[in-house]
Protein backbone atom coordinates (compact mmCIF):
# COMPACT_ATOMS: atom_id res chain seq x y z
CA MET A 1 -10.50 -14.53 -17.31
CA GLU A 2 -12.45 -14.34 -21.14
CA SER A 3 -16.00 -15.44 -19.03
CA GLY A 4 -16.51 -12.21 -17.64
CA ALA A 5 -13.66 -12.58 -14.82
CA LYS A 6 -12.18 -9.88 -12.62
CA GLY A 7 -10.05 -11.96 -11.24
CA CYS A 8 -8.46 -15.52 -9.89
CA GLU A 9 -6.45 -17.30 -8.00
CA VAL A 10 -5.38 -21.16 -8.12
CA ILE A 11 -3.05 -22.56 -5.37
CA VAL A 12 -2.73 -25.73 -5.82
CA SER A 13 -0.44 -27.50 -3.13
CA GLY A 14 1.50 -31.25 -2.42
CA LYS A 15 4.05 -32.74 -3.92
CA LEU A 16 4.37 -31.82 -7.05
CA ARG A 17 7.24 -33.20 -8.78
CA ALA A 18 9.90 -33.90 -5.37
CA GLN A 19 9.36 -35.90 -2.23
CA ARG A 20 8.76 -32.86 -0.71
CA ALA A 21 5.44 -30.89 -0.39
CA LYS A 22 5.56 -27.18 -1.86
CA SER A 23 2.57 -25.25 -2.53
CA MET A 24 2.64 -22.55 -5.55
CA LYS A 25 0.43 -19.61 -6.05
CA PHE A 26 -0.80 -18.40 -9.39
CA LYS A 27 -2.96 -15.22 -10.43
CA ASP A 28 -4.18 -12.81 -12.73
CA GLY A 29 -6.55 -9.72 -12.84
CA TYR A 30 -7.40 -8.20 -9.66
CA MET A 31 -8.39 -9.75 -6.68
CA ILE A 32 -9.94 -8.01 -3.44
CA SER A 33 -9.09 -10.35 0.35
CA SER A 34 -10.68 -8.80 3.11
CA GLY A 35 -13.51 -6.64 4.31
CA GLN A 36 -17.39 -7.32 3.68
CA PRO A 37 -17.08 -7.23 -0.59
CA VAL A 38 -15.09 -10.28 -0.27
CA LYS A 39 -18.49 -12.74 0.92
CA ASP A 40 -20.28 -10.69 -1.90
CA TYR A 41 -17.40 -11.25 -4.75
CA ILE A 42 -15.07 -13.76 -4.62
CA ASP A 43 -16.79 -18.17 -5.41
CA SER A 44 -14.25 -20.43 -3.61
CA ALA A 45 -13.97 -24.21 -4.08
CA VAL A 46 -11.30 -26.70 -2.73
CA ARG A 47 -10.45 -30.65 -4.16
CA HIS A 48 -7.90 -32.88 -2.49
CA VAL A 49 -6.57 -35.04 -6.10
CA LEU A 50 -6.35 -38.19 -4.51
CA LEU A 51 -2.93 -39.84 -6.47
CA ARG A 52 -0.42 -42.61 -5.96
CA GLN A 53 1.98 -40.29 -4.62
CA GLY A 54 -0.01 -38.76 -1.86
CA VAL A 55 -2.63 -36.12 -1.45
CA LEU A 56 -3.21 -33.10 -4.13
CA GLY A 57 -4.81 -29.23 -2.31
CA ILE A 58 -6.89 -27.67 -4.79
CA LYS A 59 -8.41 -24.42 -4.22
CA VAL A 60 -10.04 -21.57 -6.59
CA LYS A 61 -11.13 -18.82 -5.88
CA ILE A 62 -12.85 -16.40 -8.29
CA MET A 63 -13.83 -12.53 -8.14
CA LEU A 64 -16.90 -11.47 -10.46
CA ASP A 65 -17.57 -8.45 -11.81
CA TRP A 66 -20.11 -5.74 -10.70
CA ASP A 67 -23.65 -6.29 -12.50
CA PRO A 68 -26.39 -4.20 -11.57
CA LYS A 69 -29.16 -6.10 -12.87
CA GLY A 70 -27.58 -9.14 -10.13
CA LYS A 71 -27.30 -11.97 -12.51
CA GLN A 72 -24.36 -12.66 -13.38
CA GLY A 73 -22.07 -10.59 -10.51
CA PRO A 74 -23.26 -8.93 -7.16
CA LYS A 75 -25.77 -6.07 -7.44
CA THR A 76 -23.94 -3.84 -4.51
CA PRO A 77 -21.16 -2.10 -6.17
CA LEU A 78 -17.50 -2.01 -4.95
CA PRO A 79 -17.36 0.51 -1.58
CA ASP A 80 -14.35 1.88 -2.81
CA ILE A 81 -15.85 2.93 -6.52
CA VAL A 82 -16.16 7.11 -6.53
CA THR A 83 -18.97 8.62 -8.53
CA ILE A 84 -17.66 12.03 -9.31
CA HIS A 85 -21.27 14.74 -9.68
CA THR A 86 -21.11 17.85 -11.32
CA PRO A 87 -20.82 20.42 -9.33
CA LYS A 88 -24.04 22.93 -8.63
CA GLU A 89 -24.34 26.46 -9.74
CA GLU A 90 -24.52 28.24 -6.00
CA GLU A 91 -26.43 31.98 -6.04
CA TYR A 92 -25.67 34.59 -4.28
CA SER A 93 -28.17 36.42 -2.40
CA GLN A 94 -28.05 40.00 -0.23
CA PRO A 95 -28.57 38.80 3.14
CA ALA A 96 -31.86 40.57 4.51
CA THR A 97 -30.68 42.74 6.38
CA ALA A 98 -32.01 46.34 7.26
CA SER A 99 -28.33 48.25 6.47
CA ALA A 100 -26.50 46.79 3.72
CA PRO A 101 -23.12 47.25 3.19
CA VAL A 102 -22.16 50.16 1.02
CA LEU A 103 -19.26 50.72 -2.26
CA ALA A 104 -17.04 53.28 -1.65
CA ASN A 105 -14.21 53.19 -2.99
CA ASP A 106 -13.83 49.30 -3.83
CA ILE A 107 -14.02 48.81 0.71
CA GLU A 108 -17.01 47.72 1.98
CA VAL A 109 -18.05 50.09 4.46
CA PRO A 110 -21.66 48.84 6.64
CA VAL A 111 -24.54 52.12 6.69
CA ALA A 112 -25.23 52.61 10.46
């Protein structure tokens, strides 16, 4: 997390302290789990540790941060990032018709 990751997850499974196998999950930060961004943003590794009591399995997932240059992370931004642009100034113009409306007592009356 200190070296620029957005989130991480470590899963350790197997016979940890007792005879019965169990799995423990450790999470920190932000982690996505579905869609195309999983393939772009998440690095994962699986290792098996052979011990005298049995085999431990370790899975590590690291979610990378967005990098516009594409050096330390993916170049494409996440799809849920919304960019709000400033609104454009609207210009009101008279329609180019032969009969223009005439204002009479604050009521629009078209001239025939």
